[in-house]
């Protein structure tokens, strides 16, 4: 009887751990979808004929490029992101989710 209880308990723990792992994997997959959608739509809209000329002008603007480089230096792509990185990531994720849902 005691072995049966252990098996039931271990099965329950395994099922719980699997469910938590599956949910985390699903969440990570959704986040990746939102970020990929955001990048694809951004790339698409940058190449829009109305925006392309303005974007090309910005690419040639040394002052803007220096400022953009300084801004990007504040970000990092490491696993342990600081609070600024987390806020930026959340903004991007929310934008990607909104666009994803709008276009779906």
N, C-alpha and C. Protein backbone atom coordinates (compact mmCIF):
# COMPACT_ATOMS: atom_id res chain seq x y z
N UNK A 1 0.82 -1.19 0.00
CA UNK A 1 0.00 0.00 0.00
C UNK A 1 0.86 1.26 0.00
N UNK A 2 1.96 1.22 0.78
CA UNK A 2 2.85 2.38 0.86
C UNK A 2 3.52 2.65 -0.49
N UNK A 3 3.90 1.58 -1.19
CA UNK A 3 4.50 1.74 -2.52
C UNK A 3 3.52 2.34 -3.50
N UNK A 4 2.26 1.95 -3.38
CA UNK A 4 1.23 2.48 -4.26
C UNK A 4 1.06 3.99 -4.04
N UNK A 5 1.12 4.41 -2.79
CA UNK A 5 1.00 5.84 -2.46
C UNK A 5 2.20 6.62 -3.00
N UNK A 6 3.39 6.02 -2.90
CA UNK A 6 4.58 6.67 -3.44
C UNK A 6 4.47 6.85 -4.95
N UNK A 7 3.99 5.81 -5.61
CA UNK A 7 3.84 5.88 -7.07
C UNK A 7 2.84 6.97 -7.45
N UNK A 8 1.74 7.03 -6.73
CA UNK A 8 0.73 8.06 -7.00
C UNK A 8 1.31 9.45 -6.74
N UNK A 9 2.02 9.60 -5.64
CA UNK A 9 2.62 10.88 -5.30
C UNK A 9 3.67 11.29 -6.34
N UNK A 10 4.54 10.38 -6.71
CA UNK A 10 5.56 10.67 -7.72
C UNK A 10 4.92 10.98 -9.07
N UNK A 11 3.86 10.28 -9.42
CA UNK A 11 3.16 10.55 -10.68
C UNK A 11 2.57 11.95 -10.66
N UNK A 12 1.99 12.33 -9.53
CA UNK A 12 1.42 13.67 -9.40
C UNK A 12 2.48 14.74 -9.51
N UNK A 13 3.62 14.53 -8.86
CA UNK A 13 4.72 15.49 -8.93
C UNK A 13 5.23 15.60 -10.37
N UNK A 14 5.38 14.46 -11.04
CA UNK A 14 5.85 14.45 -12.43
C UNK A 14 4.86 15.20 -13.33
N UNK A 15 3.58 14.95 -13.17
CA UNK A 15 2.57 15.62 -13.99
C UNK A 15 2.59 17.14 -13.75
N UNK A 16 2.72 17.53 -12.49
CA UNK A 16 2.78 18.95 -12.16
C UNK A 16 4.01 19.60 -12.79
N UNK A 17 5.16 18.96 -12.64
CA UNK A 17 6.40 19.50 -13.20
C UNK A 17 6.30 19.59 -14.72
N UNK A 18 5.73 18.58 -15.35
CA UNK A 18 5.58 18.59 -16.80
C UNK A 18 4.65 19.71 -17.24
N UNK A 19 3.56 19.93 -16.50
CA UNK A 19 2.61 20.99 -16.84
C UNK A 19 3.25 22.36 -16.71
N UNK A 20 4.04 22.57 -15.66
CA UNK A 20 4.72 23.85 -15.46
C UNK A 20 5.74 24.06 -16.58
N UNK A 21 6.48 23.01 -16.92
CA UNK A 21 7.48 23.10 -17.99
C UNK A 21 6.81 23.37 -19.33
N UNK A 22 5.70 22.70 -19.60
CA UNK A 22 4.99 22.90 -20.87
C UNK A 22 4.44 24.32 -20.96
N UNK A 23 3.93 24.84 -19.86
CA UNK A 23 3.40 26.21 -19.86
C UNK A 23 4.52 27.22 -20.10
N UNK A 24 5.67 27.02 -19.47
CA UNK A 24 6.81 27.92 -19.67
C UNK A 24 7.29 27.86 -21.12
N UNK A 25 7.31 26.66 -21.68
CA UNK A 25 7.73 26.51 -23.07
C UNK A 25 6.73 27.19 -24.01
N UNK A 26 5.44 27.05 -23.73
CA UNK A 26 4.41 27.69 -24.54
C UNK A 26 4.54 29.21 -24.46
N UNK A 27 4.77 29.73 -23.27
CA UNK A 27 4.94 31.17 -23.08
C UNK A 27 6.16 31.67 -23.84
N UNK A 28 7.26 30.96 -23.75
CA UNK A 28 8.47 31.35 -24.47
C UNK A 28 8.23 31.33 -25.98
N UNK A 29 7.48 30.35 -26.45
CA UNK A 29 7.19 30.26 -27.88
C UNK A 29 6.32 31.44 -28.32
N UNK A 30 5.33 31.81 -27.51
CA UNK A 30 4.47 32.95 -27.83
C UNK A 30 5.30 34.24 -27.87
N UNK A 31 6.19 34.41 -26.88
CA UNK A 31 7.04 35.60 -26.85
C UNK A 31 7.89 35.66 -28.12
N UNK A 32 8.43 34.54 -28.54
CA UNK A 32 9.25 34.50 -29.76
C UNK A 32 8.39 34.86 -30.98
N UNK A 33 7.16 34.39 -31.01
CA UNK A 33 6.26 34.73 -32.12
C UNK A 33 5.99 36.23 -32.16
N UNK A 34 5.76 36.82 -31.01
CA UNK A 34 5.47 38.25 -30.95
C UNK A 34 6.69 39.07 -31.38
N UNK A 35 7.88 38.68 -30.91
CA UNK A 35 9.08 39.41 -31.29
C UNK A 35 9.37 39.25 -32.78
N UNK A 36 9.18 38.06 -33.31
CA UNK A 36 9.41 37.83 -34.75
C UNK A 36 8.41 38.62 -35.58
N UNK A 37 7.16 38.68 -35.12
CA UNK A 37 6.14 39.46 -35.82
C UNK A 37 6.51 40.94 -35.82
N UNK A 38 6.93 41.43 -34.67
CA UNK A 38 7.32 42.84 -34.56
C UNK A 38 8.47 43.16 -35.52
N UNK A 39 9.47 42.31 -35.56
CA UNK A 39 10.61 42.55 -36.46
C UNK A 39 10.18 42.49 -37.92
N UNK A 40 9.38 41.50 -38.29
CA UNK A 40 8.96 41.37 -39.69
C UNK A 40 8.13 42.58 -40.13
N UNK A 41 7.21 43.01 -39.28
CA UNK A 41 6.36 44.15 -39.63
C UNK A 41 7.20 45.44 -39.67
N UNK A 42 8.12 45.58 -38.74
CA UNK A 42 8.99 46.75 -38.74
C UNK A 42 9.84 46.80 -40.01
N UNK A 43 10.44 45.67 -40.36
CA UNK A 43 11.23 45.61 -41.59
C UNK A 43 10.37 45.94 -42.80
N UNK A 44 9.17 45.42 -42.83
CA UNK A 44 8.25 45.65 -43.94
C UNK A 44 7.89 47.13 -44.05
N UNK A 45 7.57 47.75 -42.92
CA UNK A 45 7.15 49.16 -42.93
C UNK A 45 8.33 50.10 -43.18
N UNK A 46 9.54 49.74 -42.77
CA UNK A 46 10.71 50.57 -43.07
C UNK A 46 10.92 50.64 -44.57
N UNK A 47 10.63 49.55 -45.26
CA UNK A 47 10.82 49.50 -46.71
C UNK A 47 9.63 50.05 -47.48
N UNK A 48 8.62 50.51 -46.78
CA UNK A 48 7.47 51.16 -47.41
C UNK A 48 7.98 52.42 -48.11
N UNK A 49 7.50 52.69 -49.30
CA UNK A 49 8.05 53.81 -50.07
C UNK A 49 7.91 55.16 -49.36
N UNK A 50 6.90 55.30 -48.51
CA UNK A 50 6.73 56.55 -47.77
C UNK A 50 7.81 56.71 -46.69
N UNK A 51 8.25 55.61 -46.13
CA UNK A 51 9.22 55.67 -45.04
C UNK A 51 10.66 55.50 -45.50
N UNK A 52 10.86 54.84 -46.61
CA UNK A 52 12.21 54.47 -47.04
C UNK A 52 13.13 55.69 -47.20
N UNK A 53 12.64 56.75 -47.80
CA UNK A 53 13.47 57.94 -48.01
C UNK A 53 13.88 58.55 -46.66
N UNK A 54 12.94 58.62 -45.73
CA UNK A 54 13.23 59.19 -44.41
C UNK A 54 14.23 58.31 -43.65
N UNK A 55 14.05 57.01 -43.75
CA UNK A 55 14.95 56.07 -43.07
C UNK A 55 16.35 56.18 -43.67
N UNK A 56 16.46 56.27 -44.97
CA UNK A 56 17.76 56.42 -45.62
C UNK A 56 18.45 57.71 -45.18
N UNK A 57 17.68 58.78 -45.03
CA UNK A 57 18.25 60.04 -44.54
C UNK A 57 18.79 59.87 -43.13
N UNK A 58 18.04 59.17 -42.29
CA UNK A 58 18.50 58.93 -40.92
C UNK A 58 19.76 58.07 -40.90
N UNK A 59 19.85 57.09 -41.78
CA UNK A 59 21.03 56.24 -41.84
C UNK A 59 22.28 57.03 -42.20
N UNK A 60 22.10 58.13 -42.93
CA UNK A 60 23.22 58.97 -43.33
C UNK A 60 23.53 60.06 -42.30
N UNK A 61 22.65 60.25 -41.32
CA UNK A 61 22.79 61.30 -40.32
C UNK A 61 23.75 60.83 -39.20
N UNK A 62 24.97 61.36 -39.21
CA UNK A 62 25.99 60.93 -38.25
C UNK A 62 25.56 61.22 -36.81
N UNK A 63 24.94 62.36 -36.59
CA UNK A 63 24.50 62.73 -35.22
C UNK A 63 23.46 61.73 -34.71
N UNK A 64 22.49 61.40 -35.55
CA UNK A 64 21.48 60.43 -35.16
C UNK A 64 22.12 59.07 -34.88
N UNK A 65 23.05 58.66 -35.73
CA UNK A 65 23.69 57.35 -35.56
C UNK A 65 24.50 57.28 -34.26
N UNK A 66 25.16 58.37 -33.90
CA UNK A 66 25.88 58.40 -32.62
C UNK A 66 24.90 58.27 -31.46
N UNK A 67 23.80 59.01 -31.53
CA UNK A 67 22.80 58.96 -30.46
C UNK A 67 22.21 57.56 -30.37
N UNK A 68 21.89 56.97 -31.51
CA UNK A 68 21.33 55.61 -31.53
C UNK A 68 22.32 54.61 -30.95
N UNK A 69 23.58 54.75 -31.28
CA UNK A 69 24.61 53.85 -30.72
C UNK A 69 24.68 53.98 -29.21
N UNK A 70 24.63 55.20 -28.71
CA UNK A 70 24.64 55.40 -27.25
C UNK A 70 23.42 54.76 -26.59
N UNK A 71 22.28 54.90 -27.23
CA UNK A 71 21.06 54.30 -26.68
C UNK A 71 21.19 52.77 -26.66
N UNK A 72 21.68 52.21 -27.74
CA UNK A 72 21.80 50.75 -27.81
C UNK A 72 22.84 50.20 -26.84
N UNK A 73 23.84 51.00 -26.50
CA UNK A 73 24.84 50.57 -25.52
C UNK A 73 24.22 50.36 -24.14
N UNK A 74 23.07 50.95 -23.90
CA UNK A 74 22.39 50.79 -22.61
C UNK A 74 21.66 49.45 -22.52
N UNK A 75 21.54 48.77 -23.64
CA UNK A 75 20.85 47.48 -23.66
C UNK A 75 21.85 46.34 -23.63
N UNK A 76 21.35 45.17 -23.28
CA UNK A 76 22.18 43.97 -23.30
C UNK A 76 21.31 42.78 -23.64
N UNK A 77 21.90 41.78 -24.23
CA UNK A 77 21.18 40.57 -24.61
C UNK A 77 21.60 39.37 -23.77
N UNK A 78 21.94 39.62 -22.53
CA UNK A 78 22.31 38.52 -21.65
C UNK A 78 21.08 38.00 -20.93
N UNK A 79 21.22 36.83 -20.34
CA UNK A 79 20.10 36.20 -19.64
C UNK A 79 19.64 37.06 -18.46
N UNK A 80 20.58 37.62 -17.73
CA UNK A 80 20.22 38.46 -16.58
C UNK A 80 20.15 39.91 -17.03
N UNK A 81 19.00 40.32 -17.40
CA UNK A 81 18.80 41.68 -17.89
C UNK A 81 18.49 42.61 -16.72
N UNK A 82 18.96 43.85 -16.80
CA UNK A 82 18.63 44.82 -15.76
C UNK A 82 17.20 45.34 -15.97
N UNK A 83 16.76 46.21 -15.09
CA UNK A 83 15.37 46.66 -15.14
C UNK A 83 15.05 47.44 -16.41
N UNK A 84 16.01 48.23 -16.92
CA UNK A 84 15.78 48.97 -18.16
C UNK A 84 15.57 47.99 -19.31
N UNK A 85 16.39 46.97 -19.39
CA UNK A 85 16.24 45.96 -20.43
C UNK A 85 14.91 45.24 -20.32
N UNK A 86 14.51 44.94 -19.12
CA UNK A 86 13.23 44.26 -18.91
C UNK A 86 12.07 45.14 -19.34
N UNK A 87 12.14 46.44 -19.04
CA UNK A 87 11.07 47.35 -19.46
C UNK A 87 11.01 47.46 -20.99
N UNK A 88 12.16 47.59 -21.62
CA UNK A 88 12.21 47.67 -23.08
C UNK A 88 11.68 46.38 -23.70
N UNK A 89 12.10 45.24 -23.16
CA UNK A 89 11.63 43.95 -23.67
C UNK A 89 10.11 43.84 -23.55
N UNK A 90 9.57 44.28 -22.42
CA UNK A 90 8.12 44.22 -22.21
C UNK A 90 7.39 45.13 -23.20
N UNK A 91 7.93 46.32 -23.46
CA UNK A 91 7.33 47.23 -24.45
C UNK A 91 7.31 46.57 -25.82
N UNK A 92 8.44 46.00 -26.21
CA UNK A 92 8.53 45.33 -27.51
C UNK A 92 7.59 44.14 -27.59
N UNK A 93 7.54 43.36 -26.53
CA UNK A 93 6.67 42.19 -26.49
C UNK A 93 5.21 42.60 -26.60
N UNK A 94 4.81 43.64 -25.89
CA UNK A 94 3.43 44.12 -25.96
C UNK A 94 3.08 44.62 -27.35
N UNK A 95 4.01 45.36 -27.96
CA UNK A 95 3.79 45.84 -29.32
C UNK A 95 3.66 44.68 -30.30
N UNK A 96 4.55 43.71 -30.16
CA UNK A 96 4.49 42.53 -31.03
C UNK A 96 3.21 41.75 -30.85
N UNK A 97 2.76 41.60 -29.61
CA UNK A 97 1.51 40.89 -29.34
C UNK A 97 0.33 41.63 -29.95
N UNK A 98 0.31 42.95 -29.78
CA UNK A 98 -0.79 43.74 -30.33
C UNK A 98 -0.84 43.65 -31.86
N UNK A 99 0.31 43.75 -32.50
CA UNK A 99 0.37 43.63 -33.95
C UNK A 99 -0.03 42.23 -34.40
N UNK A 100 0.48 41.23 -33.70
CA UNK A 100 0.16 39.83 -34.00
C UNK A 100 -1.35 39.60 -33.99
N UNK A 101 -1.98 40.09 -32.93
CA UNK A 101 -3.43 39.90 -32.79
C UNK A 101 -4.20 40.72 -33.83
N UNK A 102 -3.71 41.90 -34.16
CA UNK A 102 -4.36 42.75 -35.14
C UNK A 102 -4.33 42.11 -36.54
N UNK A 103 -3.21 41.49 -36.87
CA UNK A 103 -3.04 40.91 -38.20
C UNK A 103 -3.52 39.48 -38.33
N UNK A 104 -3.72 38.80 -37.21
CA UNK A 104 -4.11 37.38 -37.21
C UNK A 104 -5.52 37.18 -37.72
